[in-house]
N, C-alpha and C. Protein backbone atom coordinates (compact mmCIF):
# COMPACT_ATOMS: atom_id res chain seq x y z
N UNK A 1 106.71 116.33 94.04
CA UNK A 1 106.69 115.20 93.06
C UNK A 1 106.43 115.32 91.72
N UNK A 2 107.23 114.98 90.90
CA UNK A 2 107.24 115.25 89.29
C UNK A 2 106.52 114.24 88.79
N UNK A 3 105.52 113.78 89.18
CA UNK A 3 104.71 112.58 88.41
C UNK A 3 104.03 113.08 87.04
N UNK A 4 104.63 112.13 86.27
CA UNK A 4 103.65 112.76 84.77
C UNK A 4 102.73 111.80 84.69
N UNK A 5 101.51 112.18 83.94
CA UNK A 5 100.36 111.16 83.62
C UNK A 5 100.70 110.02 82.67
N UNK A 6 99.86 109.14 83.13
CA UNK A 6 99.90 107.77 82.40
C UNK A 6 100.00 107.82 80.98
N UNK A 7 100.78 107.45 80.17
CA UNK A 7 100.67 107.56 78.87
C UNK A 7 99.90 106.50 78.34
N UNK A 8 99.59 106.05 77.11
CA UNK A 8 98.91 105.04 76.50
C UNK A 8 99.22 103.81 76.65
N UNK A 9 100.73 103.40 76.86
CA UNK A 9 101.04 102.08 77.25
C UNK A 9 100.84 101.50 78.62
N UNK A 10 100.88 102.89 79.86
CA UNK A 10 100.71 102.82 80.99
C UNK A 10 99.53 102.26 81.22
N UNK A 11 98.62 103.22 80.40
CA UNK A 11 97.04 102.72 80.63
C UNK A 11 96.51 101.31 79.90
N UNK A 12 97.34 100.92 79.07
CA UNK A 12 97.05 99.56 78.69
C UNK A 12 97.38 98.51 79.53
N UNK A 13 98.63 98.79 80.29
CA UNK A 13 98.90 97.93 81.25
C UNK A 13 98.17 97.91 82.48
N UNK A 14 97.83 99.17 82.71
CA UNK A 14 96.75 98.90 83.90
C UNK A 14 95.29 98.49 83.61
N UNK A 15 94.68 98.70 82.55
CA UNK A 15 93.91 97.75 82.15
C UNK A 15 93.82 96.44 82.05
N UNK A 16 94.78 95.71 81.85
CA UNK A 16 95.20 94.51 81.77
C UNK A 16 95.54 94.00 82.99
N UNK A 17 96.02 94.75 84.15
CA UNK A 17 96.24 94.35 85.59
C UNK A 17 94.89 93.94 86.20
N UNK A 18 94.05 95.35 85.71
CA UNK A 18 92.71 95.27 86.31
C UNK A 18 91.71 93.97 85.75
N UNK A 19 92.13 93.47 84.76
CA UNK A 19 91.33 92.50 84.34
C UNK A 19 91.92 91.15 84.92
N UNK A 20 93.10 91.03 85.25
CA UNK A 20 93.88 89.76 85.63
C UNK A 20 95.23 90.42 86.71
N UNK A 21 94.83 90.47 87.88
CA UNK A 21 96.28 91.01 88.63
C UNK A 21 97.22 90.08 88.74
N UNK A 22 97.06 89.03 88.22
CA UNK A 22 97.99 87.85 88.31
C UNK A 22 98.73 87.74 87.10
N UNK A 23 98.58 88.31 86.27
CA UNK A 23 99.25 88.16 84.91
C UNK A 23 100.85 88.32 85.04
N UNK A 24 101.75 87.37 84.05
CA UNK A 24 103.18 87.95 84.11
C UNK A 24 103.57 88.84 83.62
N UNK A 25 104.70 89.42 84.16
CA UNK A 25 105.54 90.84 83.39
C UNK A 25 105.70 90.20 81.92
N UNK A 26 105.85 89.19 81.74
CA UNK A 26 106.02 88.76 80.35
C UNK A 26 104.90 88.75 79.61
N UNK A 27 103.85 88.33 80.09
CA UNK A 27 102.34 88.41 79.32
C UNK A 27 101.96 89.58 79.12
N UNK A 28 102.34 90.47 79.75
CA UNK A 28 102.02 91.96 80.07
C UNK A 28 102.98 92.71 79.03
N UNK A 29 103.90 92.46 79.22
CA UNK A 29 104.97 92.82 78.00
C UNK A 29 104.43 92.48 76.64
N UNK A 30 104.02 91.51 76.50
CA UNK A 30 103.65 90.70 74.97
C UNK A 30 102.38 91.63 74.55
N UNK A 31 101.52 91.98 75.67
CA UNK A 31 100.48 92.69 75.17
C UNK A 31 100.77 94.11 74.68
N UNK A 32 101.80 94.71 75.44
CA UNK A 32 102.13 96.39 74.94
C UNK A 32 103.49 96.45 74.14
N UNK A 33 104.05 95.01 73.57
CA UNK A 33 105.33 95.04 72.88
C UNK A 33 106.44 95.61 73.49
N UNK A 34 106.80 95.45 74.91
CA UNK A 34 107.71 95.71 75.50
C UNK A 34 108.45 94.45 76.20
N UNK A 35 109.60 94.56 76.90
CA UNK A 35 110.13 93.54 77.86
C UNK A 35 109.62 93.75 79.17
N UNK A 36 109.94 92.46 79.62
CA UNK A 36 109.50 92.06 81.08
C UNK A 36 110.20 93.11 82.14
N UNK A 37 111.48 93.26 81.76
CA UNK A 37 111.98 94.55 82.53
C UNK A 37 111.48 95.62 82.20
N UNK A 38 111.12 96.43 81.06
CA UNK A 38 110.66 97.52 80.73
C UNK A 38 109.12 97.62 81.53
N UNK A 39 108.55 96.77 81.53
CA UNK A 39 107.05 96.53 82.21
C UNK A 39 107.19 96.77 83.47
N UNK A 40 108.14 95.77 84.12
CA UNK A 40 108.35 96.44 85.77
C UNK A 40 108.82 97.56 86.42
N UNK A 41 109.93 98.17 85.29
CA UNK A 41 109.88 99.47 85.49
C UNK A 41 108.99 100.70 85.36
N UNK A 42 107.98 100.62 84.42
CA UNK A 42 106.84 101.14 84.23
C UNK A 42 105.98 101.10 85.32
N UNK A 43 105.63 99.87 85.94
CA UNK A 43 104.83 99.36 87.10
C UNK A 43 105.33 100.30 88.18
N UNK A 44 106.70 100.10 88.41
CA UNK A 44 107.12 100.53 89.84
C UNK A 44 106.97 102.20 89.63
N UNK A 45 107.43 103.04 88.48
CA UNK A 45 107.24 104.11 88.57
C UNK A 45 105.75 104.59 88.73
N UNK A 46 104.78 103.74 88.28
CA UNK A 46 103.27 104.30 88.65
C UNK A 46 102.87 103.93 89.96
N UNK A 47 103.69 103.13 90.83
CA UNK A 47 103.59 102.78 92.09
C UNK A 47 103.95 104.17 92.77
N UNK A 48 105.43 104.50 92.34
CA UNK A 48 106.29 105.73 92.98
C UNK A 48 105.42 106.98 92.62
N UNK A 49 104.75 107.23 91.34
CA UNK A 49 103.72 108.34 91.37
C UNK A 49 102.45 108.44 92.12
N UNK A 50 102.21 107.35 92.81
CA UNK A 50 100.76 107.11 93.27
C UNK A 50 99.56 106.63 92.31
N UNK A 51 100.16 106.32 91.08
CA UNK A 51 98.63 105.90 90.52
C UNK A 51 98.22 104.69 90.94
N UNK A 52 99.15 103.61 91.15
CA UNK A 52 98.70 102.26 91.63
C UNK A 52 98.93 102.83 92.82
N UNK A 53 97.92 102.51 93.96
CA UNK A 53 97.73 102.51 94.94
C UNK A 53 98.48 101.32 96.04
N UNK A 54 97.86 100.23 95.24
CA UNK A 54 98.19 98.94 96.05
C UNK A 54 98.00 98.16 95.14
N UNK A 55 98.46 96.46 95.48
CA UNK A 55 97.86 95.74 94.97
C UNK A 55 97.10 94.79 96.04
N UNK A 56 96.17 93.98 95.82
CA UNK A 56 95.71 93.63 96.66
C UNK A 56 94.48 92.28 96.28
N UNK A 57 93.95 91.56 96.84
CA UNK A 57 93.07 90.62 96.83
C UNK A 57 91.46 90.84 97.14
N UNK A 58 90.80 90.44 96.52
CA UNK A 58 89.35 90.83 96.81
C UNK A 58 89.01 89.20 97.30
N UNK A 59 88.47 89.16 98.58
CA UNK A 59 87.79 87.98 99.24
C UNK A 59 86.32 88.22 98.88
N UNK A 60 85.77 86.94 98.97
CA UNK A 60 84.35 86.75 98.36
C UNK A 60 83.70 86.44 100.13
N UNK A 61 83.17 87.36 100.51
CA UNK A 61 82.72 87.47 102.10
C UNK A 61 81.59 86.22 102.23
N UNK A 62 80.84 86.37 101.17
CA UNK A 62 79.95 84.70 101.55
C UNK A 62 80.73 83.36 101.75
N UNK A 63 81.54 83.26 100.85
CA UNK A 63 82.16 82.10 101.50
C UNK A 63 83.17 81.93 102.68
N UNK A 64 83.19 83.05 103.23
CA UNK A 64 84.16 83.59 104.47
C UNK A 64 82.73 83.40 105.79
N UNK A 65 81.62 83.02 105.62
CA UNK A 65 80.71 82.99 106.28
C UNK A 65 79.74 83.96 106.39
N UNK A 66 80.02 85.22 105.82
CA UNK A 66 79.40 86.46 105.84
C UNK A 66 78.08 86.39 104.86
N UNK A 67 76.88 86.56 105.38
CA UNK A 67 75.55 86.06 104.79
C UNK A 67 75.14 87.47 104.05
N UNK A 68 75.36 88.39 104.50
CA UNK A 68 74.81 89.98 104.47
C UNK A 68 75.79 90.87 104.49
N UNK A 69 75.43 92.16 103.96
CA UNK A 69 76.23 93.53 104.17
C UNK A 69 75.34 94.32 104.51
N UNK A 70 75.31 95.18 105.27
CA UNK A 70 74.78 96.43 106.11
C UNK A 70 75.30 97.75 105.24
N UNK A 71 74.77 98.83 104.88
CA UNK A 71 75.14 100.09 104.98
C UNK A 71 74.53 100.70 106.22
N UNK A 72 75.41 101.42 106.83
CA UNK A 72 74.88 102.31 107.90
C UNK A 72 75.43 103.49 107.92
N UNK A 73 74.48 104.72 107.88
CA UNK A 73 74.76 106.13 108.04
C UNK A 73 74.60 106.41 109.61
N UNK A 74 75.76 107.25 109.88
CA UNK A 74 76.09 107.39 111.22
C UNK A 74 76.15 109.03 111.63
N UNK A 75 75.41 109.29 112.30
CA UNK A 75 75.51 110.78 112.77
C UNK A 75 75.77 110.89 114.13
N UNK A 76 77.01 111.45 114.65
CA UNK A 76 77.42 111.33 115.77
C UNK A 76 76.38 112.51 116.51
N UNK A 77 76.37 112.22 117.92
CA UNK A 77 75.66 113.06 118.70
C UNK A 77 76.76 114.36 118.96
N UNK A 78 76.67 115.27 119.24
CA UNK A 78 77.10 116.86 119.67
C UNK A 78 78.21 116.40 120.37
N UNK A 79 79.56 116.76 119.76
CA UNK A 79 80.74 116.55 120.71
C UNK A 79 81.52 115.01 120.81
N UNK A 80 80.76 113.91 119.72
CA UNK A 80 81.13 112.66 120.02
C UNK A 80 81.75 112.23 118.98
N UNK A 81 82.15 113.22 117.95
CA UNK A 81 82.87 112.53 116.47
C UNK A 81 83.87 112.02 116.83
N UNK A 82 84.99 112.13 117.48
CA UNK A 82 86.02 111.43 117.40
C UNK A 82 85.83 110.29 118.14
N UNK A 83 84.99 110.05 119.24
CA UNK A 83 84.76 108.67 119.72
C UNK A 83 83.89 107.91 119.01
N UNK A 84 83.20 108.61 117.98
CA UNK A 84 82.78 107.61 116.64
C UNK A 84 83.58 107.09 115.68
N UNK A 85 84.45 107.75 115.45
CA UNK A 85 85.82 107.61 114.51
C UNK A 85 86.51 106.27 115.23
N UNK A 86 86.79 106.67 116.63
CA UNK A 86 87.50 105.66 117.00
C UNK A 86 86.83 103.95 117.51
N UNK A 87 85.54 104.34 117.68
CA UNK A 87 84.69 102.98 117.58
C UNK A 87 84.66 102.38 116.36
N UNK A 88 84.10 103.09 115.10
CA UNK A 88 84.35 102.82 113.87
C UNK A 88 85.64 102.03 113.58
N UNK A 89 86.98 102.35 114.03
CA UNK A 89 87.88 102.04 113.46
C UNK A 89 88.39 100.66 113.97
N UNK A 90 87.65 100.17 115.23
CA UNK A 90 87.91 99.25 115.85
C UNK A 90 86.90 97.80 115.70
N UNK A 91 85.83 98.20 114.82
CA UNK A 91 85.04 97.10 114.40
C UNK A 91 85.67 96.47 113.19
N UNK A 92 85.99 95.17 113.48
CA UNK A 92 86.45 94.33 112.28
C UNK A 92 85.64 94.21 111.15
N UNK A 93 84.45 94.11 111.49
CA UNK A 93 83.36 93.67 110.40
C UNK A 93 83.06 95.15 109.58
N UNK A 94 83.54 96.42 109.86
CA UNK A 94 83.52 97.34 109.00
C UNK A 94 84.68 97.26 107.71
N UNK A 95 83.96 97.03 106.74
CA UNK A 95 84.83 96.58 105.43
C UNK A 95 85.17 98.00 104.79
N UNK A 96 84.37 99.21 105.10
CA UNK A 96 84.84 100.17 104.40
C UNK A 96 83.81 101.67 104.90
N UNK A 97 84.54 102.75 105.37
CA UNK A 97 83.57 103.76 106.04
C UNK A 97 84.40 105.03 105.03
N UNK A 98 82.95 105.90 104.73
CA UNK A 98 83.71 107.09 104.10
C UNK A 98 83.08 108.20 105.19
N UNK A 99 83.92 109.36 105.11
CA UNK A 99 83.41 110.51 106.34
C UNK A 99 82.97 111.53 105.01
N UNK A 100 81.40 111.44 105.07
CA UNK A 100 80.75 112.19 104.11
C UNK A 100 80.06 113.79 104.92
N UNK A 101 79.58 114.59 103.79
CA UNK A 101 78.89 115.74 103.84
C UNK A 101 77.50 115.65 104.50
N UNK A 102 76.79 116.37 105.19
CA UNK A 102 75.50 116.35 105.16
C UNK A 102 75.14 115.96 106.62
N UNK A 103 74.13 116.03 106.59
CA UNK A 103 73.36 115.08 108.21
C UNK A 103 74.20 114.29 108.95
N UNK A 104 74.58 113.14 108.10
CA UNK A 104 75.37 111.90 108.49
C UNK A 104 76.59 112.39 108.27
N UNK A 105 77.79 112.10 109.33
CA UNK A 105 79.35 112.27 109.10
C UNK A 105 79.79 111.03 108.59
N UNK A 106 79.38 109.82 108.61
CA UNK A 106 79.98 108.77 108.25
C UNK A 106 78.89 107.73 107.26
N UNK A 107 79.50 107.02 106.64
CA UNK A 107 78.62 105.76 105.88
C UNK A 107 79.57 104.67 105.80
N UNK A 108 79.14 103.43 106.51
CA UNK A 108 79.94 102.52 106.67
C UNK A 108 79.31 101.36 106.10
N UNK A 109 80.28 100.20 105.92
CA UNK A 109 79.95 99.04 105.30
C UNK A 109 79.91 98.23 106.12
N UNK A 110 79.22 97.27 106.55
CA UNK A 110 79.42 96.12 107.62
C UNK A 110 79.29 94.85 106.86
N UNK A 111 79.78 93.67 107.03
CA UNK A 111 79.83 92.42 106.83
C UNK A 111 79.23 91.90 108.06
N UNK A 112 78.11 91.01 107.69
CA UNK A 112 77.48 90.41 108.75
C UNK A 112 77.14 89.03 108.56
N UNK A 113 77.46 88.36 109.76
CA UNK A 113 77.00 86.90 109.67
C UNK A 113 75.37 86.32 109.53
N UNK A 114 74.77 87.41 110.37
CA UNK A 114 73.30 87.23 110.27
C UNK A 114 72.89 88.80 110.83
N UNK A 115 71.54 88.77 110.68
CA UNK A 115 71.02 89.93 110.98
C UNK A 115 70.96 90.55 112.29
N UNK A 116 71.20 89.40 113.44
CA UNK A 116 71.76 89.73 114.82
C UNK A 116 72.94 90.25 114.95
N UNK A 117 73.94 90.48 114.25
CA UNK A 117 75.01 90.86 114.19
C UNK A 117 74.92 92.29 114.10
N UNK A 118 74.19 93.10 113.43
CA UNK A 118 74.11 94.27 113.27
C UNK A 118 73.82 94.97 114.53
N UNK A 119 72.87 94.56 115.49
CA UNK A 119 72.55 95.22 116.79
C UNK A 119 73.77 95.11 117.62
N UNK A 120 74.35 93.59 117.65
CA UNK A 120 75.75 93.58 118.60
C UNK A 120 76.94 94.66 117.94
N UNK A 121 76.94 95.07 116.69
CA UNK A 121 77.99 95.68 116.15
C UNK A 121 77.87 97.24 116.11
N UNK A 122 76.49 97.69 116.43
CA UNK A 122 76.22 98.83 116.68
C UNK A 122 76.23 99.18 118.05
N UNK A 123 75.99 98.28 118.86
CA UNK A 123 75.45 98.59 120.10
C UNK A 123 76.77 99.61 120.81
N UNK A 124 77.81 99.42 120.57
CA UNK A 124 79.18 100.53 121.12
C UNK A 124 78.61 102.00 120.62
N UNK A 125 77.76 102.17 119.66
CA UNK A 125 77.73 103.21 118.98
C UNK A 125 76.29 104.01 119.65
N UNK A 126 75.60 103.47 120.56
CA UNK A 126 74.11 103.82 120.64
C UNK A 126 74.14 105.10 121.70
N UNK A 127 75.32 105.10 122.52
CA UNK A 127 75.38 106.54 123.14
C UNK A 127 75.97 107.54 122.65
N UNK A 128 76.75 107.02 121.27
CA UNK A 128 77.55 108.16 120.50
C UNK A 128 77.11 108.87 119.44
N UNK A 129 75.72 108.02 119.05
CA UNK A 129 75.50 108.64 117.63
C UNK A 129 74.14 108.05 117.34
N UNK A 130 73.38 108.60 116.31
CA UNK A 130 72.24 108.07 115.83
C UNK A 130 72.65 107.01 114.47
N UNK A 131 72.10 106.26 114.32
CA UNK A 131 72.65 105.07 113.02
C UNK A 131 71.06 105.13 112.30
N UNK A 132 71.54 104.85 110.88
CA UNK A 132 70.24 104.53 109.93
C UNK A 132 70.90 103.39 109.31
N UNK A 133 70.30 102.20 109.07
CA UNK A 133 70.85 100.94 108.38
C UNK A 133 69.92 100.43 107.36
N UNK A 134 70.49 99.96 106.21
CA UNK A 134 70.05 99.46 105.07
C UNK A 134 70.71 98.04 104.92
N UNK A 135 69.91 96.76 104.45
CA UNK A 135 70.28 95.54 104.43
C UNK A 135 70.86 95.78 102.80
N UNK A 136 71.72 95.29 102.37
CA UNK A 136 71.95 95.27 100.94
C UNK A 136 71.56 93.94 100.29
N UNK A 137 70.67 94.43 99.22
CA UNK A 137 69.95 93.12 98.70
C UNK A 137 71.00 92.39 97.50
N UNK A 138 71.63 93.22 96.83
CA UNK A 138 72.30 92.82 95.86
C UNK A 138 73.31 93.80 95.33
N UNK A 139 74.38 93.92 94.75
CA UNK A 139 75.35 94.79 94.60
C UNK A 139 75.14 94.92 92.69
N UNK A 140 74.81 96.15 92.59
CA UNK A 140 74.50 96.71 91.18
C UNK A 140 75.89 96.82 90.49
N UNK A 141 76.78 97.34 90.97
CA UNK A 141 78.12 97.62 90.48
C UNK A 141 79.00 97.40 91.51
N UNK A 142 80.00 96.60 91.35
CA UNK A 142 81.18 95.89 92.33
C UNK A 142 82.03 97.22 91.92
N UNK A 143 82.92 97.33 92.85
CA UNK A 143 84.08 98.22 92.91
C UNK A 143 84.76 98.23 91.59
N UNK A 144 84.78 99.39 90.88
CA UNK A 144 85.76 99.35 89.83
C UNK A 144 86.47 100.66 89.87
N UNK A 145 87.37 100.86 88.88
CA UNK A 145 88.44 101.95 89.35
C UNK A 145 88.09 103.01 88.18
N UNK A 146 88.59 104.47 88.50
CA UNK A 146 87.92 105.34 87.53
C UNK A 146 88.42 105.25 85.88
N UNK A 147 87.59 105.70 85.14
CA UNK A 147 88.02 105.60 83.78
C UNK A 147 89.55 106.09 83.47
N UNK A 148 90.11 105.13 82.85
CA UNK A 148 91.44 104.99 82.23
C UNK A 148 91.79 105.78 81.16
N UNK A 149 90.70 106.13 80.19
CA UNK A 149 91.06 106.83 79.14
C UNK A 149 90.26 108.44 79.12
């Protein structure tokens, strides 16, 4: 892949998209003094180069009935790593999970409708791993991308 690093115009487009992903190509072009087709071509190249991984929408979990979030550290029992991985993958309430170094192999985020959900969701792992859970009180920093400058 012969991807080139995003230039100043690309970074300006990416900043604008992060602020408002629904902005039109015409509006984006006006911000950087390019035509809508030129903006479309730049965005397509950024996607092809892997700079833009995906376009998505962020849902508000509370408005969908999820009252809280838990962060769960998961340490598989010896020989159970793959089973734990498979179990994590099939739990729909797992909104994110990272494979990490250290004593724990996984750190997962779970969306919970109630505190009782935590036991129900972790039950399939009780014979596979040790878990340690924390309830999120509030988010200090929401997801943000890497610095573009």
